[in-house]
């Protein structure tokens, strides 16, 4: 199957007031290198957003989501990385266990449960702080456009 590089999913899995976060420290040439993000990844040809979400979460964490919710679309525009359309989800139930080996290292990075209010204090993309705030304050799905010049957020617009 073909990788559709500009279509992605991202999920913030919730447990005990924390989000499962990934510190991106494992991949070479990673646009997210050194940043903390949720789990997710690129669509494969023919996948729906939900199929991509479930596959990526399983691949990266070993967990099977049993309750998840679509939260919004984030459009990223970058002079370095091009354009990406990210389907954003939260999940509050899953089956399976996170093996200790996954918590310290998986192919994408290191996983950790981080209290929700501490996530914006981590090294995250500046625009992530904007949609993380919306995740905590909005019930309805939203659309956000984030424009970057290098690592600098130059505009953020909600639709």
C-alpha atoms as a PDB file:
ATOM      1  CA  UNK A   1       0.000   0.000   0.000  1.00  0.00           C
ATOM      2  CA  UNK A   2       1.098   3.543  -0.703  1.00  0.00           C
ATOM      3  CA  UNK A   3       1.819   6.055   2.077  1.00  0.00           C
ATOM      4  CA  UNK A   4      -0.255   9.230   1.747  1.00  0.00           C
ATOM      5  CA  UNK A   5       2.230  11.621   3.326  1.00  0.00           C
ATOM      6  CA  UNK A   6      -0.068  14.626   3.603  1.00  0.00           C
ATOM      7  CA  UNK A   7      -2.930  12.791   5.385  1.00  0.00           C
ATOM      8  CA  UNK A   8      -2.374  11.843   9.025  1.00  0.00           C
ATOM      9  CA  UNK A   9      -4.098  11.003  12.295  1.00  0.00           C
ATOM     10  CA  UNK A  10      -3.112  12.000  15.801  1.00  0.00           C
ATOM     11  CA  UNK A  11      -4.651  10.672  19.002  1.00  0.00           C
ATOM     12  CA  UNK A  12      -4.401  11.769  22.601  1.00  0.00           C
ATOM     13  CA  UNK A  13      -5.166   8.651  24.649  1.00  0.00           C
ATOM     14  CA  UNK A  14      -6.485   9.564  28.096  1.00  0.00           C
ATOM     15  CA  UNK A  15      -6.035   7.699  31.387  1.00  0.00           C
ATOM     16  CA  UNK A  16      -6.156   8.943  34.976  1.00  0.00           C
ATOM     17  CA  UNK A  17      -5.948  12.628  33.982  1.00  0.00           C
ATOM     18  CA  UNK A  18      -2.975  12.001  31.679  1.00  0.00           C
ATOM     19  CA  UNK A  19      -2.360  11.829  27.937  1.00  0.00           C
ATOM     20  CA  UNK A  20      -0.160   9.135  26.441  1.00  0.00           C
ATOM     21  CA  UNK A  21       2.604  11.130  24.764  1.00  0.00           C
ATOM     22  CA  UNK A  22       5.471  10.144  22.509  1.00  0.00           C
ATOM     23  CA  UNK A  23       8.865  11.816  22.730  1.00  0.00           C
ATOM     24  CA  UNK A  24      10.130  11.662  19.153  1.00  0.00           C
ATOM     25  CA  UNK A  25      13.752  10.615  19.616  1.00  0.00           C
ATOM     26  CA  UNK A  26      14.130   7.449  17.510  1.00  0.00           C
ATOM     27  CA  UNK A  27      13.632   8.220  13.813  1.00  0.00           C
ATOM     28  CA  UNK A  28      16.179   9.728  11.476  1.00  0.00           C
ATOM     29  CA  UNK A  29      15.102  12.802   9.486  1.00  0.00           C
ATOM     30  CA  UNK A  30      11.985  13.238  11.647  1.00  0.00           C
ATOM     31  CA  UNK A  31      10.185  16.583  11.328  1.00  0.00           C
ATOM     32  CA  UNK A  32       9.017  16.003  14.921  1.00  0.00           C
ATOM     33  CA  UNK A  33      12.508  15.235  16.283  1.00  0.00           C
ATOM     34  CA  UNK A  34      12.804  16.135  19.948  1.00  0.00           C
ATOM     35  CA  UNK A  35       9.118  17.081  20.241  1.00  0.00           C
ATOM     36  CA  UNK A  36       6.393  15.429  22.329  1.00  0.00           C
ATOM     37  CA  UNK A  37       3.252  14.511  20.379  1.00  0.00           C
ATOM     38  CA  UNK A  38       0.294  12.150  20.648  1.00  0.00           C
ATOM     39  CA  UNK A  39       0.307   8.851  18.749  1.00  0.00           C
ATOM     40  CA  UNK A  40      -0.708   8.406  15.139  1.00  0.00           C
ATOM     41  CA  UNK A  41       0.709   8.576  11.667  1.00  0.00           C
ATOM     42  CA  UNK A  42       0.215   8.548   7.943  1.00  0.00           C
ATOM     43  CA  UNK A  43      -2.728   7.100   6.047  1.00  0.00           C
ATOM     44  CA  UNK A  44      -2.136   4.153   3.784  1.00  0.00           C
ATOM     45  CA  UNK A  45      -3.939   4.119   0.457  1.00  0.00           C
ATOM     46  CA  UNK A  46      -7.600   3.193   0.865  1.00  0.00           C
ATOM     47  CA  UNK A  47      -7.702   3.717   4.634  1.00  0.00           C
ATOM     48  CA  UNK A  48     -10.393   5.760   6.339  1.00  0.00           C
ATOM     49  CA  UNK A  49      -9.257   8.132   9.100  1.00  0.00           C
ATOM     50  CA  UNK A  50     -10.569   5.660  11.691  1.00  0.00           C
ATOM     51  CA  UNK A  51      -8.740   2.705  10.107  1.00  0.00           C
ATOM     52  CA  UNK A  52      -5.524   4.725  10.090  1.00  0.00           C
ATOM     53  CA  UNK A  53      -6.056   5.769  13.703  1.00  0.00           C
ATOM     54  CA  UNK A  54      -6.651   2.222  14.942  1.00  0.00           C
ATOM     55  CA  UNK A  55      -3.715   0.777  12.962  1.00  0.00           C
ATOM     56  CA  UNK A  56      -1.247   3.470  14.011  1.00  0.00           C
ATOM     57  CA  UNK A  57      -2.207   3.309  17.700  1.00  0.00           C
ATOM     58  CA  UNK A  58      -1.840  -0.498  17.647  1.00  0.00           C
ATOM     59  CA  UNK A  59       1.528  -0.309  15.845  1.00  0.00           C
ATOM     60  CA  UNK A  60       2.991   2.367  18.117  1.00  0.00           C
ATOM     61  CA  UNK A  61       1.561   1.307  21.484  1.00  0.00           C
ATOM     62  CA  UNK A  62       0.216  -2.235  21.208  1.00  0.00           C
ATOM     63  CA  UNK A  63      -3.159  -0.921  22.463  1.00  0.00           C
ATOM     64  CA  UNK A  64      -6.534  -1.469  20.777  1.00  0.00           C
ATOM     65  CA  UNK A  65      -8.808   1.555  21.112  1.00  0.00           C
ATOM     66  CA  UNK A  66     -12.372   0.711  22.206  1.00  0.00           C
ATOM     67  CA  UNK A  67     -13.671   4.276  22.667  1.00  0.00           C
ATOM     68  CA  UNK A  68     -12.442   7.218  20.635  1.00  0.00           C
ATOM     69  CA  UNK A  69     -13.853  10.475  19.330  1.00  0.00           C
ATOM     70  CA  UNK A  70     -13.100  12.653  16.317  1.00  0.00           C
ATOM     71  CA  UNK A  71     -12.142  16.123  17.564  1.00  0.00           C
ATOM     72  CA  UNK A  72     -11.102  18.091  14.525  1.00  0.00           C
ATOM     73  CA  UNK A  73      -9.010  18.716  11.437  1.00  0.00           C
ATOM     74  CA  UNK A  74      -5.699  20.520  11.716  1.00  0.00           C
ATOM     75  CA  UNK A  75      -4.197  21.929   8.522  1.00  0.00           C
ATOM     76  CA  UNK A  76      -0.453  22.430   8.792  1.00  0.00           C
ATOM     77  CA  UNK A  77       1.296  24.588   6.212  1.00  0.00           C
ATOM     78  CA  UNK A  78       5.100  24.690   6.356  1.00  0.00           C
ATOM     79  CA  UNK A  79       7.741  26.214   4.149  1.00  0.00           C
ATOM     80  CA  UNK A  80       9.949  23.222   5.042  1.00  0.00           C
ATOM     81  CA  UNK A  81       7.600  20.218   5.319  1.00  0.00           C
ATOM     82  CA  UNK A  82       4.796  21.176   2.909  1.00  0.00           C
ATOM     83  CA  UNK A  83       1.128  20.777   3.791  1.00  0.00           C
ATOM     84  CA  UNK A  84      -0.446  18.160   6.066  1.00  0.00           C
ATOM     85  CA  UNK A  85      -4.064  17.457   6.955  1.00  0.00           C
ATOM     86  CA  UNK A  86      -4.243  15.882  10.396  1.00  0.00           C
ATOM     87  CA  UNK A  87      -7.372  14.164  11.728  1.00  0.00           C
ATOM     88  CA  UNK A  88      -7.356  14.713  15.490  1.00  0.00           C
ATOM     89  CA  UNK A  89      -8.869  12.257  17.995  1.00  0.00           C
ATOM     90  CA  UNK A  90      -9.057  11.603  21.691  1.00  0.00           C
ATOM     91  CA  UNK A  91      -9.579   8.140  23.170  1.00  0.00           C
ATOM     92  CA  UNK A  92     -10.678   7.206  26.659  1.00  0.00           C
ATOM     93  CA  UNK A  93     -10.809   3.395  26.579  1.00  0.00           C
ATOM     94  CA  UNK A  94      -8.587   0.656  25.227  1.00  0.00           C
ATOM     95  CA  UNK A  95      -7.644  -2.960  25.665  1.00  0.00           C
ATOM     96  CA  UNK A  96      -4.159  -4.286  26.078  1.00  0.00           C
ATOM     97  CA  UNK A  97      -1.230  -3.255  28.177  1.00  0.00           C
ATOM     98  CA  UNK A  98       1.689  -1.007  27.409  1.00  0.00           C
ATOM     99  CA  UNK A  99       4.733  -3.225  27.870  1.00  0.00           C
ATOM    100  CA  UNK A 100       7.539  -1.563  29.795  1.00  0.00           C
ATOM    101  CA  UNK A 101       9.708  -1.963  26.690  1.00  0.00           C
ATOM    102  CA  UNK A 102       7.304   0.261  24.701  1.00  0.00           C
ATOM    103  CA  UNK A 103       7.338   2.926  27.404  1.00  0.00           C
ATOM    104  CA  UNK A 104      11.075   3.314  26.967  1.00  0.00           C
ATOM    105  CA  UNK A 105      11.446   2.723  23.262  1.00  0.00           C
ATOM    106  CA  UNK A 106       9.347   2.038  20.206  1.00  0.00           C
ATOM    107  CA  UNK A 107      10.261   2.644  16.567  1.00  0.00           C
ATOM    108  CA  UNK A 108       8.951   6.234  16.727  1.00  0.00           C
ATOM    109  CA  UNK A 109      10.201   7.309  20.160  1.00  0.00           C
ATOM    110  CA  UNK A 110       9.554   6.928  23.879  1.00  0.00           C
ATOM    111  CA  UNK A 111       6.041   6.772  25.373  1.00  0.00           C
ATOM    112  CA  UNK A 112       5.009   8.312  28.699  1.00  0.00           C
ATOM    113  CA  UNK A 113       1.799   9.172  30.544  1.00  0.00           C
ATOM    114  CA  UNK A 114       1.909  12.945  31.116  1.00  0.00           C
ATOM    115  CA  UNK A 115      -0.640  14.918  33.196  1.00  0.00           C
ATOM    116  CA  UNK A 116      -2.777  16.920  30.745  1.00  0.00           C
ATOM    117  CA  UNK A 117      -1.932  20.286  32.320  1.00  0.00           C
ATOM    118  CA  UNK A 118       1.819  19.565  31.973  1.00  0.00           C
ATOM    119  CA  UNK A 119       1.749  18.696  28.249  1.00  0.00           C
ATOM    120  CA  UNK A 120       2.038  22.335  27.033  1.00  0.00           C
ATOM    121  CA  UNK A 121       5.176  22.719  29.191  1.00  0.00           C
ATOM    122  CA  UNK A 122       6.952  19.971  27.233  1.00  0.00           C
ATOM    123  CA  UNK A 123       8.869  20.667  24.022  1.00  0.00           C
ATOM    124  CA  UNK A 124       5.825  20.616  21.703  1.00  0.00           C
ATOM    125  CA  UNK A 125       5.088  22.447  18.479  1.00  0.00           C
ATOM    126  CA  UNK A 126       3.778  25.931  19.301  1.00  0.00           C
ATOM    127  CA  UNK A 127       0.556  25.253  17.368  1.00  0.00           C
ATOM    128  CA  UNK A 128      -0.033  22.047  19.341  1.00  0.00           C
ATOM    129  CA  UNK A 129      -0.645  24.241  22.395  1.00  0.00           C
ATOM    130  CA  UNK A 130      -3.536  25.859  20.510  1.00  0.00           C
ATOM    131  CA  UNK A 131      -5.317  22.628  19.627  1.00  0.00           C
ATOM    132  CA  UNK A 132      -4.547  21.057  23.014  1.00  0.00           C
ATOM    133  CA  UNK A 133      -6.391  23.987  24.612  1.00  0.00           C
ATOM    134  CA  UNK A 134      -9.336  23.385  22.260  1.00  0.00           C
ATOM    135  CA  UNK A 135      -9.361  19.681  23.208  1.00  0.00           C
ATOM    136  CA  UNK A 136      -9.838  20.683  26.835  1.00  0.00           C
ATOM    137  CA  UNK A 137     -12.453  23.399  26.242  1.00  0.00           C
ATOM    138  CA  UNK A 138     -14.502  22.362  23.189  1.00  0.00           C
ATOM    139  CA  UNK A 139     -17.021  19.595  22.795  1.00  0.00           C
ATOM    140  CA  UNK A 140     -17.726  20.104  19.081  1.00  0.00           C
ATOM    141  CA  UNK A 141     -15.177  19.247  16.368  1.00  0.00           C
ATOM    142  CA  UNK A 142     -13.098  22.175  15.166  1.00  0.00           C
ATOM    143  CA  UNK A 143     -10.873  23.136  12.248  1.00  0.00           C
ATOM    144  CA  UNK A 144      -7.573  24.897  12.797  1.00  0.00           C
ATOM    145  CA  UNK A 145      -5.008  26.113  10.269  1.00  0.00           C
ATOM    146  CA  UNK A 146      -1.419  26.451  11.506  1.00  0.00           C
ATOM    147  CA  UNK A 147       1.245  28.056   9.305  1.00  0.00           C
ATOM    148  CA  UNK A 148       4.936  27.614  10.080  1.00  0.00           C
ATOM    149  CA  UNK A 149       8.142  29.190   8.820  1.00  0.00           C
ATOM    150  CA  UNK A 150      10.722  26.648   9.902  1.00  0.00           C
ATOM    151  CA  UNK A 151       9.885  25.862  13.544  1.00  0.00           C
ATOM    152  CA  UNK A 152       8.170  29.224  14.065  1.00  0.00           C
ATOM    153  CA  UNK A 153       4.371  29.432  14.138  1.00  0.00           C
ATOM    154  CA  UNK A 154       3.499  32.470  12.015  1.00  0.00           C
ATOM    155  CA  UNK A 155      -0.295  32.175  12.021  1.00  0.00           C
ATOM    156  CA  UNK A 156      -3.086  30.239  13.673  1.00  0.00           C
ATOM    157  CA  UNK A 157      -6.679  30.512  12.507  1.00  0.00           C
ATOM    158  CA  UNK A 158      -9.719  28.640  13.734  1.00  0.00           C
ATOM    159  CA  UNK A 159     -12.621  28.014  11.385  1.00  0.00           C
END
